[in-house]
Amino acid sequence: MKIKTRNSSTKRKRKTGFRTRQKTVGGRKVNKRQRARHGSF
């Protein structure tokens, strides 16, 4: 189901959120790095 998003803050969250990053290999790498640096999110 596609949710209509108008406001920018939601759009930004959609692009840069944890779940979005988990979907790609590069993103998983980023999340792993963040976890290593700061503990869990």
C-alpha atoms as a PDB file:
ATOM      1  CA  MET A   1       0.000   0.000   0.000  1.00  0.00           C
ATOM      2  CA  LYS A   2       1.379   3.357  -0.976  1.00  0.00           C
ATOM      3  CA  ILE A   3       0.930   6.169   1.494  1.00  0.00           C
ATOM      4  CA  LYS A   4       0.678   9.662   0.046  1.00  0.00           C
ATOM      5  CA  THR A   5       3.350  11.847   1.591  1.00  0.00           C
ATOM      6  CA  ARG A   6       3.285  15.565   1.231  1.00  0.00           C
ATOM      7  CA  ASN A   7       5.306  17.128   4.013  1.00  0.00           C
ATOM      8  CA  SER A   8       9.062  17.289   3.768  1.00  0.00           C
ATOM      9  CA  SER A   9       9.919  15.977   7.202  1.00  0.00           C
ATOM     10  CA  THR A  10       8.114  12.723   6.503  1.00  0.00           C
ATOM     11  CA  LYS A  11       9.717  12.491   3.079  1.00  0.00           C
ATOM     12  CA  ARG A  12      13.127  12.939   4.616  1.00  0.00           C
ATOM     13  CA  LYS A  13      12.461  10.310   7.252  1.00  0.00           C
ATOM     14  CA  ARG A  14      11.357   7.930   4.557  1.00  0.00           C
ATOM     15  CA  LYS A  15      14.600   8.359   2.683  1.00  0.00           C
ATOM     16  CA  THR A  16      16.982   8.264   5.625  1.00  0.00           C
ATOM     17  CA  GLY A  17      15.248   6.125   8.249  1.00  0.00           C
ATOM     18  CA  PHE A  18      16.701   3.001   9.796  1.00  0.00           C
ATOM     19  CA  ARG A  19      14.367   0.632   7.941  1.00  0.00           C
ATOM     20  CA  THR A  20      15.077   2.237   4.597  1.00  0.00           C
ATOM     21  CA  ARG A  21      18.807   1.875   5.135  1.00  0.00           C
ATOM     22  CA  GLN A  22      18.421  -1.759   6.129  1.00  0.00           C
ATOM     23  CA  LYS A  23      17.052  -2.542   2.669  1.00  0.00           C
ATOM     24  CA  THR A  24      20.357  -2.079   0.833  1.00  0.00           C
ATOM     25  CA  VAL A  25      23.801  -3.540   1.350  1.00  0.00           C
ATOM     26  CA  GLY A  26      25.363  -0.091   1.670  1.00  0.00           C
ATOM     27  CA  GLY A  27      22.707   0.967   4.145  1.00  0.00           C
ATOM     28  CA  ARG A  28      23.273  -2.079   6.299  1.00  0.00           C
ATOM     29  CA  LYS A  29      26.919  -1.157   6.382  1.00  0.00           C
ATOM     30  CA  VAL A  30      26.026   2.357   7.539  1.00  0.00           C
ATOM     31  CA  ASN A  31      23.751   1.000  10.275  1.00  0.00           C
ATOM     32  CA  LYS A  32      26.453  -1.365  11.401  1.00  0.00           C
ATOM     33  CA  ARG A  33      28.921   1.506  11.610  1.00  0.00           C
ATOM     34  CA  GLN A  34      26.458   3.632  13.585  1.00  0.00           C
ATOM     35  CA  ARG A  35      25.875   0.771  15.981  1.00  0.00           C
ATOM     36  CA  ALA A  36      29.593   0.284  16.483  1.00  0.00           C
ATOM     37  CA  ARG A  37      30.057   3.964  17.226  1.00  0.00           C
ATOM     38  CA  HIS A  38      27.090   4.686  19.443  1.00  0.00           C
ATOM     39  CA  GLY A  39      25.844   1.368  20.718  1.00  0.00           C
ATOM     40  CA  SER A  40      22.349   0.465  19.597  1.00  0.00           C
ATOM     41  CA  PHE A  41      20.068   3.100  18.083  1.00  0.00           C
END
